[in-house]
């Protein structure tokens, strides 16, 4: 298995463990199927839990608080946190300046970036940077 695939699967695992979002499990499953690699044990365990809950009302929820909306926000927040991490760890900015730079560059509120950084800081620090140093 190549290092990019290994990194993506690890990213999915960490996101799933951190958020419990079934769409992170789906992303890992699709990667394994597309690349013809075996499913990881954590995926099988999660499938067992989720398949038991398919009829649960929570899974049928839609709208702003449904699983797809939550997943979209979690993915956005993870990416924002990764961008802050690069600004801090690679480019040498302090946390406050990094948050400001990312918010301005991405066109989102600084409070959104700060919240994303606090939520996913521990996750993004467990992986090598996904972005190159000295981003524009």
N, C-alpha and C. Protein backbone atom coordinates (compact mmCIF):
# COMPACT_ATOMS: atom_id res chain seq x y z
N UNK A 1 0.86 -1.18 0.00
CA UNK A 1 0.00 0.00 0.00
C UNK A 1 0.90 1.23 0.00
N UNK A 2 0.58 2.21 -0.86
CA UNK A 2 1.44 3.39 -0.93
C UNK A 2 1.19 4.31 0.26
N UNK A 3 2.12 5.24 0.48
CA UNK A 3 2.07 6.08 1.68
C UNK A 3 0.88 7.05 1.65
N UNK A 4 0.47 7.53 0.47
CA UNK A 4 -0.69 8.42 0.40
C UNK A 4 -1.96 7.68 0.82
N UNK A 5 -2.13 6.46 0.33
CA UNK A 5 -3.30 5.68 0.71
C UNK A 5 -3.28 5.40 2.22
N UNK A 6 -2.12 5.03 2.75
CA UNK A 6 -2.01 4.78 4.19
C UNK A 6 -2.37 6.02 4.98
N UNK A 7 -1.90 7.19 4.52
CA UNK A 7 -2.20 8.45 5.21
C UNK A 7 -3.69 8.76 5.16
N UNK A 8 -4.31 8.57 4.00
CA UNK A 8 -5.74 8.85 3.87
C UNK A 8 -6.57 7.93 4.75
N UNK A 9 -6.20 6.65 4.81
CA UNK A 9 -6.93 5.72 5.68
C UNK A 9 -6.75 6.08 7.15
N UNK A 10 -5.54 6.49 7.53
CA UNK A 10 -5.29 6.91 8.91
C UNK A 10 -6.08 8.17 9.23
N UNK A 11 -6.15 9.09 8.28
CA UNK A 11 -6.93 10.31 8.45
C UNK A 11 -8.40 9.97 8.67
N UNK A 12 -8.94 9.05 7.87
CA UNK A 12 -10.33 8.62 8.05
C UNK A 12 -10.54 8.00 9.43
N UNK A 13 -9.60 7.15 9.85
CA UNK A 13 -9.72 6.50 11.17
C UNK A 13 -9.73 7.54 12.28
N UNK A 14 -8.79 8.48 12.23
CA UNK A 14 -8.71 9.49 13.28
C UNK A 14 -9.96 10.37 13.30
N UNK A 15 -10.42 10.76 12.12
CA UNK A 15 -11.64 11.57 12.05
C UNK A 15 -12.82 10.78 12.60
N UNK A 16 -12.93 9.50 12.23
CA UNK A 16 -14.03 8.68 12.71
C UNK A 16 -13.98 8.54 14.23
N UNK A 17 -12.80 8.26 14.76
CA UNK A 17 -12.67 8.12 16.21
C UNK A 17 -12.99 9.43 16.92
N UNK A 18 -12.63 10.54 16.31
CA UNK A 18 -12.85 11.84 16.94
C UNK A 18 -14.30 12.29 16.86
N UNK A 19 -14.98 12.02 15.72
CA UNK A 19 -16.34 12.54 15.52
C UNK A 19 -17.42 11.48 15.57
N UNK A 20 -17.06 10.20 15.31
CA UNK A 20 -18.07 9.16 15.22
C UNK A 20 -18.93 9.26 13.97
N UNK A 21 -18.51 10.08 13.02
CA UNK A 21 -19.29 10.33 11.82
C UNK A 21 -19.20 9.13 10.87
N UNK A 22 -20.34 8.52 10.52
CA UNK A 22 -20.31 7.34 9.65
C UNK A 22 -19.78 7.65 8.24
N UNK A 23 -19.81 8.90 7.82
CA UNK A 23 -19.31 9.22 6.49
C UNK A 23 -17.79 9.13 6.42
N UNK A 24 -17.10 9.27 7.55
CA UNK A 24 -15.66 9.03 7.57
C UNK A 24 -15.38 7.54 7.35
N UNK A 25 -16.22 6.70 7.91
CA UNK A 25 -16.11 5.26 7.68
C UNK A 25 -16.37 4.94 6.22
N UNK A 26 -17.37 5.58 5.64
CA UNK A 26 -17.69 5.39 4.22
C UNK A 26 -16.51 5.79 3.34
N UNK A 27 -15.86 6.91 3.67
CA UNK A 27 -14.71 7.35 2.89
C UNK A 27 -13.59 6.31 2.92
N UNK A 28 -13.32 5.76 4.10
CA UNK A 28 -12.28 4.73 4.23
C UNK A 28 -12.66 3.47 3.46
N UNK A 29 -13.91 3.09 3.57
CA UNK A 29 -14.39 1.91 2.84
C UNK A 29 -14.19 2.10 1.33
N UNK A 30 -14.58 3.26 0.82
CA UNK A 30 -14.46 3.52 -0.62
C UNK A 30 -12.99 3.50 -1.05
N UNK A 31 -12.10 4.06 -0.23
CA UNK A 31 -10.68 4.02 -0.56
C UNK A 31 -10.18 2.57 -0.68
N UNK A 32 -10.56 1.74 0.29
CA UNK A 32 -10.12 0.34 0.27
C UNK A 32 -10.66 -0.38 -0.96
N UNK A 33 -11.93 -0.16 -1.28
CA UNK A 33 -12.53 -0.83 -2.43
C UNK A 33 -11.90 -0.35 -3.73
N UNK A 34 -11.72 0.98 -3.84
CA UNK A 34 -11.14 1.53 -5.08
C UNK A 34 -9.72 1.07 -5.31
N UNK A 35 -8.96 0.90 -4.22
CA UNK A 35 -7.56 0.51 -4.33
C UNK A 35 -7.33 -0.98 -4.14
N UNK A 36 -8.42 -1.73 -3.95
CA UNK A 36 -8.37 -3.18 -3.80
C UNK A 36 -7.44 -3.62 -2.67
N UNK A 37 -7.64 -2.97 -1.51
CA UNK A 37 -6.90 -3.36 -0.31
C UNK A 37 -7.90 -3.83 0.74
N UNK A 38 -7.48 -4.69 1.65
CA UNK A 38 -8.40 -5.21 2.67
C UNK A 38 -8.91 -4.10 3.60
N UNK A 39 -10.15 -4.27 4.04
CA UNK A 39 -10.70 -3.34 5.03
C UNK A 39 -9.93 -3.50 6.34
N UNK A 40 -9.81 -2.43 7.06
CA UNK A 40 -9.08 -2.43 8.32
C UNK A 40 -9.99 -2.95 9.45
N UNK A 41 -9.42 -3.54 10.50
CA UNK A 41 -10.23 -4.05 11.61
C UNK A 41 -11.15 -2.99 12.23
N UNK A 42 -10.67 -1.75 12.34
CA UNK A 42 -11.52 -0.70 12.93
C UNK A 42 -12.77 -0.47 12.09
N UNK A 43 -12.65 -0.69 10.78
CA UNK A 43 -13.80 -0.50 9.90
C UNK A 43 -14.85 -1.59 10.12
N UNK A 44 -14.39 -2.84 10.25
CA UNK A 44 -15.32 -3.94 10.51
C UNK A 44 -16.07 -3.73 11.83
N UNK A 45 -15.34 -3.31 12.85
CA UNK A 45 -15.97 -3.06 14.16
C UNK A 45 -17.02 -1.95 14.06
N UNK A 46 -16.69 -0.91 13.32
CA UNK A 46 -17.63 0.20 13.16
C UNK A 46 -18.85 -0.23 12.36
N UNK A 47 -18.64 -1.04 11.31
CA UNK A 47 -19.77 -1.55 10.54
C UNK A 47 -20.74 -2.32 11.43
N UNK A 48 -20.20 -3.14 12.32
CA UNK A 48 -21.06 -3.91 13.22
C UNK A 48 -21.96 -2.98 14.03
N UNK A 49 -21.38 -1.92 14.55
CA UNK A 49 -22.15 -0.97 15.36
C UNK A 49 -23.18 -0.24 14.50
N UNK A 50 -22.75 0.28 13.36
CA UNK A 50 -23.65 1.08 12.54
C UNK A 50 -24.76 0.26 11.90
N UNK A 51 -24.45 -0.95 11.49
CA UNK A 51 -25.50 -1.76 10.88
C UNK A 51 -26.58 -2.09 11.90
N UNK A 52 -26.21 -2.19 13.16
CA UNK A 52 -27.19 -2.42 14.21
C UNK A 52 -28.08 -1.20 14.44
N UNK A 53 -27.61 -0.03 14.01
CA UNK A 53 -28.35 1.22 14.27
C UNK A 53 -29.03 1.80 13.03
N UNK A 54 -29.04 1.10 11.92
CA UNK A 54 -29.57 1.67 10.68
C UNK A 54 -31.02 2.14 10.80
N UNK A 55 -31.80 1.50 11.62
CA UNK A 55 -33.21 1.89 11.75
C UNK A 55 -33.41 2.99 12.78
N UNK A 56 -32.36 3.39 13.43
CA UNK A 56 -32.43 4.43 14.45
C UNK A 56 -32.92 5.74 13.84
N UNK A 57 -33.74 6.47 14.54
CA UNK A 57 -34.25 7.74 14.04
C UNK A 57 -33.14 8.75 13.78
N UNK A 58 -32.08 8.69 14.56
CA UNK A 58 -30.96 9.63 14.38
C UNK A 58 -30.37 9.51 12.98
N UNK A 59 -30.26 8.29 12.47
CA UNK A 59 -29.69 8.07 11.15
C UNK A 59 -30.62 8.60 10.06
N UNK A 60 -31.91 8.68 10.33
CA UNK A 60 -32.87 9.16 9.34
C UNK A 60 -33.02 10.68 9.39
N UNK A 61 -32.38 11.34 10.34
CA UNK A 61 -32.51 12.79 10.47
C UNK A 61 -32.01 13.48 9.21
N UNK A 62 -32.67 14.55 8.86
CA UNK A 62 -32.24 15.31 7.69
C UNK A 62 -32.12 16.78 8.06
N UNK A 63 -31.71 17.59 7.10
CA UNK A 63 -31.60 19.02 7.33
C UNK A 63 -30.29 19.38 7.99
N UNK A 64 -30.29 20.51 8.68
CA UNK A 64 -29.08 21.10 9.24
C UNK A 64 -28.37 20.17 10.22
N UNK A 65 -29.12 19.37 10.95
CA UNK A 65 -28.49 18.51 11.95
C UNK A 65 -28.38 17.05 11.49
N UNK A 66 -28.65 16.78 10.23
CA UNK A 66 -28.54 15.42 9.71
C UNK A 66 -27.09 15.01 9.54
N UNK A 67 -26.86 13.73 9.32
CA UNK A 67 -25.49 13.23 9.23
C UNK A 67 -24.69 13.82 8.07
N UNK A 68 -25.36 14.12 6.95
CA UNK A 68 -24.61 14.66 5.81
C UNK A 68 -24.18 16.10 6.07
N UNK A 69 -25.05 16.89 6.69
CA UNK A 69 -24.68 18.27 7.04
C UNK A 69 -23.57 18.27 8.08
N UNK A 70 -23.67 17.42 9.09
CA UNK A 70 -22.63 17.34 10.12
C UNK A 70 -21.29 16.93 9.50
N UNK A 71 -21.33 15.98 8.59
CA UNK A 71 -20.11 15.52 7.95
C UNK A 71 -19.47 16.65 7.13
N UNK A 72 -20.29 17.38 6.41
CA UNK A 72 -19.76 18.50 5.62
C UNK A 72 -19.07 19.53 6.49
N UNK A 73 -19.68 19.86 7.63
CA UNK A 73 -19.06 20.83 8.55
C UNK A 73 -17.78 20.26 9.16
N UNK A 74 -17.80 18.97 9.50
CA UNK A 74 -16.60 18.36 10.09
C UNK A 74 -15.45 18.35 9.09
N UNK A 75 -15.74 18.05 7.82
CA UNK A 75 -14.68 18.05 6.80
C UNK A 75 -14.13 19.45 6.61
N UNK A 76 -15.00 20.44 6.54
CA UNK A 76 -14.55 21.84 6.41
C UNK A 76 -13.67 22.21 7.60
N UNK A 77 -14.13 21.89 8.80
CA UNK A 77 -13.38 22.25 10.00
C UNK A 77 -12.03 21.54 10.06
N UNK A 78 -12.01 20.27 9.65
CA UNK A 78 -10.74 19.54 9.63
C UNK A 78 -9.75 20.23 8.69
N UNK A 79 -10.22 20.59 7.50
CA UNK A 79 -9.34 21.26 6.53
C UNK A 79 -8.85 22.60 7.07
N UNK A 80 -9.72 23.36 7.72
CA UNK A 80 -9.30 24.63 8.31
C UNK A 80 -8.23 24.39 9.38
N UNK A 81 -8.43 23.38 10.21
CA UNK A 81 -7.45 23.06 11.25
C UNK A 81 -6.12 22.64 10.65
N UNK A 82 -6.17 21.88 9.57
CA UNK A 82 -4.92 21.47 8.90
C UNK A 82 -4.19 22.69 8.36
N UNK A 83 -4.92 23.65 7.81
CA UNK A 83 -4.30 24.87 7.29
C UNK A 83 -3.67 25.69 8.43
N UNK A 84 -4.34 25.75 9.58
CA UNK A 84 -3.77 26.46 10.74
C UNK A 84 -2.51 25.73 11.19
N UNK A 85 -2.57 24.43 11.25
CA UNK A 85 -1.41 23.65 11.68
C UNK A 85 -0.19 23.92 10.81
N UNK A 86 -0.38 24.01 9.50
CA UNK A 86 0.74 24.30 8.60
C UNK A 86 1.28 25.70 8.87
N UNK A 87 0.39 26.66 9.07
CA UNK A 87 0.82 28.04 9.34
C UNK A 87 1.62 28.12 10.65
N UNK A 88 1.27 27.30 11.62
CA UNK A 88 1.96 27.31 12.92
C UNK A 88 3.24 26.48 12.86
N UNK A 89 3.12 25.22 12.49
CA UNK A 89 4.24 24.28 12.57
C UNK A 89 5.27 24.44 11.46
N UNK A 90 4.81 24.74 10.27
CA UNK A 90 5.72 24.80 9.13
C UNK A 90 6.17 26.23 8.85
N UNK A 91 5.22 27.16 8.84
CA UNK A 91 5.56 28.54 8.48
C UNK A 91 6.02 29.37 9.68
N UNK A 92 5.81 28.88 10.90
CA UNK A 92 6.32 29.56 12.09
C UNK A 92 5.45 30.67 12.64
N UNK A 93 4.20 30.77 12.21
CA UNK A 93 3.29 31.78 12.76
C UNK A 93 2.84 31.38 14.15
N UNK A 94 2.47 32.37 14.97
CA UNK A 94 1.84 32.00 16.24
C UNK A 94 0.38 31.62 15.95
N UNK A 95 -0.26 30.99 16.91
CA UNK A 95 -1.60 30.45 16.70
C UNK A 95 -2.61 31.53 16.29
N UNK A 96 -2.58 32.66 16.96
CA UNK A 96 -3.53 33.74 16.65
C UNK A 96 -3.36 34.25 15.23
N UNK A 97 -2.12 34.50 14.83
CA UNK A 97 -1.88 34.97 13.47
C UNK A 97 -2.24 33.90 12.44
N UNK A 98 -1.95 32.65 12.75
CA UNK A 98 -2.28 31.57 11.82
C UNK A 98 -3.79 31.50 11.60
N UNK A 99 -4.55 31.61 12.66
CA UNK A 99 -6.02 31.59 12.56
C UNK A 99 -6.50 32.76 11.70
N UNK A 100 -5.95 33.93 11.93
CA UNK A 100 -6.33 35.11 11.16
C UNK A 100 -6.00 34.92 9.67
N UNK A 101 -4.79 34.43 9.38
CA UNK A 101 -4.39 34.23 7.99
C UNK A 101 -5.29 33.22 7.27
N UNK A 102 -5.59 32.13 7.95
CA UNK A 102 -6.44 31.10 7.34
C UNK A 102 -7.86 31.65 7.12
N UNK A 103 -8.40 32.34 8.11
CA UNK A 103 -9.75 32.89 7.97
C UNK A 103 -9.82 33.87 6.80
N UNK A 104 -8.85 34.75 6.70
CA UNK A 104 -8.84 35.73 5.61
C UNK A 104 -8.69 35.05 4.26
N UNK A 105 -7.79 34.07 4.19
CA UNK A 105 -7.54 33.38 2.92
C UNK A 105 -8.75 32.56 2.47
N UNK A 106 -9.42 31.92 3.43
CA UNK A 106 -10.54 31.03 3.09
C UNK A 106 -11.89 31.75 3.07
N UNK A 107 -11.91 33.01 3.51
CA UNK A 107 -13.15 33.77 3.48
C UNK A 107 -14.18 33.32 4.50
N UNK A 108 -13.70 32.88 5.66
CA UNK A 108 -14.61 32.48 6.74
C UNK A 108 -14.30 33.29 7.99
N UNK A 109 -15.21 33.29 8.92
CA UNK A 109 -15.03 34.05 10.16
C UNK A 109 -13.87 33.48 10.97
N UNK A 110 -13.17 34.36 11.63
CA UNK A 110 -12.06 33.92 12.49
C UNK A 110 -12.55 33.00 13.59
N UNK A 111 -13.75 33.27 14.09
CA UNK A 111 -14.31 32.41 15.15
C UNK A 111 -14.54 30.99 14.62
N UNK A 112 -14.90 30.86 13.35
CA UNK A 112 -15.10 29.54 12.75
C UNK A 112 -13.78 28.79 12.69
N UNK A 113 -12.71 29.49 12.28
CA UNK A 113 -11.40 28.86 12.19
C UNK A 113 -10.88 28.51 13.59
N UNK A 114 -11.07 29.41 14.55
CA UNK A 114 -10.63 29.15 15.93
C UNK A 114 -11.33 27.92 16.49
N UNK A 115 -12.65 27.84 16.27
CA UNK A 115 -13.42 26.69 16.75
C UNK A 115 -12.94 25.40 16.08
N UNK A 116 -12.68 25.46 14.77
CA UNK A 116 -12.19 24.28 14.03
C UNK A 116 -10.82 23.86 14.56
N UNK A 117 -9.95 24.83 14.83
CA UNK A 117 -8.61 24.53 15.34
C UNK A 117 -8.70 23.85 16.70
N UNK A 118 -9.53 24.38 17.58
CA UNK A 118 -9.67 23.79 18.92
C UNK A 118 -10.26 22.38 18.83
N UNK A 119 -11.18 22.17 17.88
CA UNK A 119 -11.84 20.87 17.76
C UNK A 119 -10.91 19.80 17.19
N UNK A 120 -10.10 20.15 16.18
CA UNK A 120 -9.34 19.15 15.45
C UNK A 120 -7.83 19.25 15.63
N UNK A 121 -7.37 20.13 16.49
CA UNK A 121 -5.92 20.30 16.69
C UNK A 121 -5.24 18.97 17.03
N UNK A 122 -5.82 18.22 17.93
CA UNK A 122 -5.22 16.95 18.34
C UNK A 122 -5.16 15.95 17.18
N UNK A 123 -6.17 15.97 16.31
CA UNK A 123 -6.21 15.04 15.18
C UNK A 123 -5.14 15.40 14.16
N UNK A 124 -5.09 16.67 13.75
CA UNK A 124 -4.15 17.03 12.69
C UNK A 124 -2.71 16.90 13.14
N UNK A 125 -2.44 17.00 14.42
CA UNK A 125 -1.06 16.87 14.90
C UNK A 125 -0.58 15.42 14.92
N UNK A 126 -1.47 14.47 14.73
CA UNK A 126 -1.08 13.06 14.69
C UNK A 126 -0.64 12.62 13.30
N UNK A 127 -0.80 13.47 12.31
CA UNK A 127 -0.49 13.12 10.92
C UNK A 127 0.57 14.07 10.38
N UNK A 128 1.34 13.63 9.39
CA UNK A 128 2.26 14.57 8.73
C UNK A 128 1.45 15.63 7.99
N UNK A 129 1.99 16.83 7.78
CA UNK A 129 1.24 17.88 7.09
C UNK A 129 0.77 17.42 5.71
N UNK A 130 -0.47 17.78 5.39
CA UNK A 130 -1.02 17.44 4.08
C UNK A 130 -0.74 18.52 3.05
N UNK A 131 -0.32 19.69 3.52
CA UNK A 131 -0.08 20.81 2.63
C UNK A 131 1.41 21.16 2.62
N UNK A 132 1.90 21.69 1.51
CA UNK A 132 3.32 22.06 1.45
C UNK A 132 3.62 23.28 2.30
N UNK A 133 4.88 23.43 2.74
CA UNK A 133 5.25 24.61 3.50
C UNK A 133 5.13 25.87 2.64
N UNK A 134 5.02 27.01 3.30
CA UNK A 134 4.99 28.32 2.65
C UNK A 134 3.89 28.43 1.61
N UNK A 135 2.69 28.07 2.01
CA UNK A 135 1.53 28.21 1.11
C UNK A 135 1.28 29.68 0.86
N UNK A 136 0.65 30.02 -0.26
CA UNK A 136 0.32 31.43 -0.51
C UNK A 136 -0.71 31.92 0.47
